[in-house]
Amino acid sequence: MAQTFNGAELTFAAADSAFPGVTFKVRNVSESGNSRPDIDVTSSTDTERRVVPGLAEPSKLSFECVYDVDSISRANLETLLKETAAGTLLFKLVNDGNVPAADSMVSESAWLTGVTYSGELDGIMTATVEFTLDRVL
């Protein structure tokens, strides 16, 4: 069953914050992390390189969002960056009419770990927000 990306929303509520939650209109999403480095354990008696898998990197989600000062100000985003407790990240896709609502959401415990702003002449301002998930896939 298809889900469309147009109209996707991101909501983040910090665990220990005065902000009840912030919602963004999402323009783009990307995921990183989820990889394990190879650790070289080759010794002088080996005839070829030997490696073992290292610990997995944390999962990170980055969202390019429409920056709307009426939804959340830059000062509020910077306050959320200082939070030390994980909050709740909710990413909701748009249903095509056939997908149950519960299947159209991703809900994770996460930290806001980065915010960057950008804009173009005659374009809208965007904020790219990056979250580190409180788990490894």
C-alpha atoms as a PDB file:
ATOM      1  CA  MET A   1       0.000   0.000   0.000  1.00  0.00           C
ATOM      2  CA  ALA A   2       1.394   3.329  -1.010  1.00  0.00           C
ATOM      3  CA  GLN A   3       2.195   6.230   1.218  1.00  0.00           C
ATOM      4  CA  THR A   4       2.924   9.645  -0.223  1.00  0.00           C
ATOM      5  CA  PHE A   5       5.525  12.043   1.053  1.00  0.00           C
ATOM      6  CA  ASN A   6       3.733  15.272   0.171  1.00  0.00           C
ATOM      7  CA  GLY A   7       2.279  16.740   3.340  1.00  0.00           C
ATOM      8  CA  ALA A   8       4.530  14.727   5.686  1.00  0.00           C
ATOM      9  CA  GLU A   9       4.839  16.178   9.198  1.00  0.00           C
ATOM     10  CA  LEU A  10       7.451  15.931  11.908  1.00  0.00           C
ATOM     11  CA  THR A  11       6.659  16.508  15.575  1.00  0.00           C
ATOM     12  CA  PHE A  12       9.211  16.568  18.367  1.00  0.00           C
ATOM     13  CA  ALA A  13       8.402  16.839  22.067  1.00  0.00           C
ATOM     14  CA  ALA A  14      11.287  17.133  24.489  1.00  0.00           C
ATOM     15  CA  ALA A  15      11.040  15.113  27.689  1.00  0.00           C
ATOM     16  CA  ASP A  16      12.208  17.884  29.997  1.00  0.00           C
ATOM     17  CA  SER A  17      11.147  21.102  28.329  1.00  0.00           C
ATOM     18  CA  ALA A  18       8.665  23.916  28.584  1.00  0.00           C
ATOM     19  CA  PHE A  19       7.694  23.236  24.955  1.00  0.00           C
ATOM     20  CA  PRO A  20       4.765  20.823  24.614  1.00  0.00           C
ATOM     21  CA  GLY A  21       5.934  19.871  21.107  1.00  0.00           C
ATOM     22  CA  VAL A  22       6.880  21.430  17.798  1.00  0.00           C
ATOM     23  CA  THR A  23       5.553  20.481  14.375  1.00  0.00           C
ATOM     24  CA  PHE A  24       7.245  21.009  11.025  1.00  0.00           C
ATOM     25  CA  LYS A  25       6.142  20.501   7.431  1.00  0.00           C
ATOM     26  CA  VAL A  26       8.787  18.172   5.977  1.00  0.00           C
ATOM     27  CA  ARG A  27      10.339  18.715   2.551  1.00  0.00           C
ATOM     28  CA  ASN A  28      13.038  16.048   2.640  1.00  0.00           C
ATOM     29  CA  VAL A  29      14.200  13.241   4.918  1.00  0.00           C
ATOM     30  CA  SER A  30      17.407  11.212   5.038  1.00  0.00           C
ATOM     31  CA  GLU A  31      18.817   8.566   7.323  1.00  0.00           C
ATOM     32  CA  SER A  32      22.412   7.853   8.257  1.00  0.00           C
ATOM     33  CA  GLY A  33      24.289   5.694  10.714  1.00  0.00           C
ATOM     34  CA  ASN A  34      23.253   2.055  10.906  1.00  0.00           C
ATOM     35  CA  SER A  35      26.733   0.889   9.951  1.00  0.00           C
ATOM     36  CA  ARG A  36      29.444  -1.067  11.738  1.00  0.00           C
ATOM     37  CA  PRO A  37      33.128  -0.368  11.261  1.00  0.00           C
ATOM     38  CA  ASP A  38      35.645  -3.133  10.644  1.00  0.00           C
ATOM     39  CA  ILE A  39      38.233  -3.361  13.419  1.00  0.00           C
ATOM     40  CA  ASP A  40      41.611  -4.584  12.244  1.00  0.00           C
ATOM     41  CA  VAL A  41      42.853  -7.382  14.542  1.00  0.00           C
ATOM     42  CA  THR A  42      45.706  -8.482  12.307  1.00  0.00           C
ATOM     43  CA  SER A  43      48.767  -9.707  14.197  1.00  0.00           C
ATOM     44  CA  SER A  44      52.358 -10.150  13.076  1.00  0.00           C
ATOM     45  CA  THR A  45      51.809 -13.904  12.642  1.00  0.00           C
ATOM     46  CA  ASP A  46      48.854 -13.493  10.235  1.00  0.00           C
ATOM     47  CA  THR A  47      49.351 -13.906   6.500  1.00  0.00           C
ATOM     48  CA  GLU A  48      46.362 -11.744   5.581  1.00  0.00           C
ATOM     49  CA  ARG A  49      44.320  -8.998   7.207  1.00  0.00           C
ATOM     50  CA  ARG A  50      41.798 -10.061   9.846  1.00  0.00           C
ATOM     51  CA  VAL A  51      38.874  -7.913  10.951  1.00  0.00           C
ATOM     52  CA  VAL A  52      36.014  -8.191  13.412  1.00  0.00           C
ATOM     53  CA  PRO A  53      32.824  -6.126  13.373  1.00  0.00           C
ATOM     54  CA  GLY A  54      32.799  -3.095  15.647  1.00  0.00           C
ATOM     55  CA  LEU A  55      29.875  -1.496  17.422  1.00  0.00           C
ATOM     56  CA  ALA A  56      27.076  -0.135  15.281  1.00  0.00           C
ATOM     57  CA  GLU A  57      26.829   3.618  14.758  1.00  0.00           C
ATOM     58  CA  PRO A  58      23.713   5.310  16.144  1.00  0.00           C
ATOM     59  CA  SER A  59      20.876   5.931  13.721  1.00  0.00           C
ATOM     60  CA  LYS A  60      20.376   9.556  12.684  1.00  0.00           C
ATOM     61  CA  LEU A  61      17.451  11.122  10.877  1.00  0.00           C
ATOM     62  CA  SER A  62      17.734  14.498   9.147  1.00  0.00           C
ATOM     63  CA  PHE A  63      14.694  16.445   8.026  1.00  0.00           C
ATOM     64  CA  GLU A  64      14.602  19.518   5.820  1.00  0.00           C
ATOM     65  CA  CYS A  65      11.562  21.426   7.041  1.00  0.00           C
ATOM     66  CA  VAL A  66       9.758  24.629   6.205  1.00  0.00           C
ATOM     67  CA  TYR A  67      10.959  27.158   8.763  1.00  0.00           C
ATOM     68  CA  ASP A  68       7.869  28.873  10.128  1.00  0.00           C
ATOM     69  CA  VAL A  69       8.603  31.323  12.922  1.00  0.00           C
ATOM     70  CA  ASP A  70       4.937  31.104  13.991  1.00  0.00           C
ATOM     71  CA  SER A  71       5.368  27.364  14.697  1.00  0.00           C
ATOM     72  CA  ILE A  72       8.704  27.570  16.495  1.00  0.00           C
ATOM     73  CA  SER A  73      11.308  30.271  16.800  1.00  0.00           C
ATOM     74  CA  ARG A  74      15.059  29.944  16.382  1.00  0.00           C
ATOM     75  CA  ALA A  75      15.456  30.584  20.110  1.00  0.00           C
ATOM     76  CA  ASN A  76      13.131  27.653  20.895  1.00  0.00           C
ATOM     77  CA  LEU A  77      15.065  25.331  18.565  1.00  0.00           C
ATOM     78  CA  GLU A  78      18.317  26.324  20.226  1.00  0.00           C
ATOM     79  CA  THR A  79      16.768  25.634  23.634  1.00  0.00           C
ATOM     80  CA  LEU A  80      15.761  22.152  22.431  1.00  0.00           C
ATOM     81  CA  LEU A  81      19.397  21.564  21.401  1.00  0.00           C
ATOM     82  CA  LYS A  82      20.398  21.954  25.055  1.00  0.00           C
ATOM     83  CA  GLU A  83      18.013  19.251  26.296  1.00  0.00           C
ATOM     84  CA  THR A  84      19.819  16.298  27.873  1.00  0.00           C
ATOM     85  CA  ALA A  85      16.911  13.843  28.096  1.00  0.00           C
ATOM     86  CA  ALA A  86      15.587  12.079  25.003  1.00  0.00           C
ATOM     87  CA  GLY A  87      12.286  13.342  23.676  1.00  0.00           C
ATOM     88  CA  THR A  88       9.727  11.781  21.354  1.00  0.00           C
ATOM     89  CA  LEU A  89      10.160  12.105  17.594  1.00  0.00           C
ATOM     90  CA  LEU A  90       7.037  11.439  15.534  1.00  0.00           C
ATOM     91  CA  PHE A  91       7.204  11.340  11.729  1.00  0.00           C
ATOM     92  CA  LYS A  92       3.851  11.024   9.994  1.00  0.00           C
ATOM     93  CA  LEU A  93       3.450  10.200   6.334  1.00  0.00           C
ATOM     94  CA  VAL A  94       0.311  10.897   4.352  1.00  0.00           C
ATOM     95  CA  ASN A  95      -2.093   8.019   3.831  1.00  0.00           C
ATOM     96  CA  ASP A  96      -3.357   7.154   0.376  1.00  0.00           C
ATOM     97  CA  GLY A  97      -6.699   6.209   1.921  1.00  0.00           C
ATOM     98  CA  ASN A  98      -5.852   2.519   2.372  1.00  0.00           C
ATOM     99  CA  VAL A  99      -3.084   2.611   4.957  1.00  0.00           C
ATOM    100  CA  PRO A 100      -4.168   2.343   8.611  1.00  0.00           C
ATOM    101  CA  ALA A 101      -3.201   5.452  10.609  1.00  0.00           C
ATOM    102  CA  ALA A 102      -1.035   3.472  13.040  1.00  0.00           C
ATOM    103  CA  ASP A 103       1.088   2.174  10.144  1.00  0.00           C
ATOM    104  CA  SER A 104       1.749   5.644   8.790  1.00  0.00           C
ATOM    105  CA  MET A 105       3.783   6.898  11.765  1.00  0.00           C
ATOM    106  CA  VAL A 106       7.300   6.436  13.035  1.00  0.00           C
ATOM    107  CA  SER A 107       7.691   7.132  16.734  1.00  0.00           C
ATOM    108  CA  GLU A 108      11.139   7.073  18.321  1.00  0.00           C
ATOM    109  CA  SER A 109      12.959   8.279  21.384  1.00  0.00           C
ATOM    110  CA  ALA A 110      15.563  10.783  20.141  1.00  0.00           C
ATOM    111  CA  TRP A 111      17.698  13.851  20.798  1.00  0.00           C
ATOM    112  CA  LEU A 112      17.801  16.954  18.658  1.00  0.00           C
ATOM    113  CA  THR A 113      21.498  17.072  17.712  1.00  0.00           C
ATOM    114  CA  GLY A 114      21.690  19.757  15.048  1.00  0.00           C
ATOM    115  CA  VAL A 115      19.881  22.635  13.378  1.00  0.00           C
ATOM    116  CA  THR A 116      20.952  24.503  10.246  1.00  0.00           C
ATOM    117  CA  TYR A 117      19.063  27.216   8.410  1.00  0.00           C
ATOM    118  CA  SER A 118      19.042  28.039   4.712  1.00  0.00           C
ATOM    119  CA  GLY A 119      17.119  30.061   2.201  1.00  0.00           C
ATOM    120  CA  GLU A 120      17.136  31.118  -1.428  1.00  0.00           C
ATOM    121  CA  LEU A 121      16.280  34.371  -3.132  1.00  0.00           C
ATOM    122  CA  ASP A 122      12.495  34.376  -3.684  1.00  0.00           C
ATOM    123  CA  GLY A 123      12.242  31.083  -1.795  1.00  0.00           C
ATOM    124  CA  ILE A 124      11.189  29.976   1.645  1.00  0.00           C
ATOM    125  CA  MET A 125      13.459  29.588   4.642  1.00  0.00           C
ATOM    126  CA  THR A 126      14.152  26.010   5.642  1.00  0.00           C
ATOM    127  CA  ALA A 127      15.583  24.460   8.769  1.00  0.00           C
ATOM    128  CA  THR A 128      17.367  21.140   8.612  1.00  0.00           C
ATOM    129  CA  VAL A 129      16.965  19.370  11.931  1.00  0.00           C
ATOM    130  CA  GLU A 130      18.977  16.285  12.828  1.00  0.00           C
ATOM    131  CA  PHE A 131      18.004  13.743  15.451  1.00  0.00           C
ATOM    132  CA  THR A 132      20.030  10.908  16.955  1.00  0.00           C
ATOM    133  CA  LEU A 133      17.786   7.963  17.782  1.00  0.00           C
ATOM    134  CA  ASP A 134      17.965   6.376  21.211  1.00  0.00           C
ATOM    135  CA  ARG A 135      18.540   2.926  19.674  1.00  0.00           C
ATOM    136  CA  VAL A 136      20.429   1.173  16.918  1.00  0.00           C
ATOM    137  CA  LEU A 137      18.524  -0.401  14.028  1.00  0.00           C
END
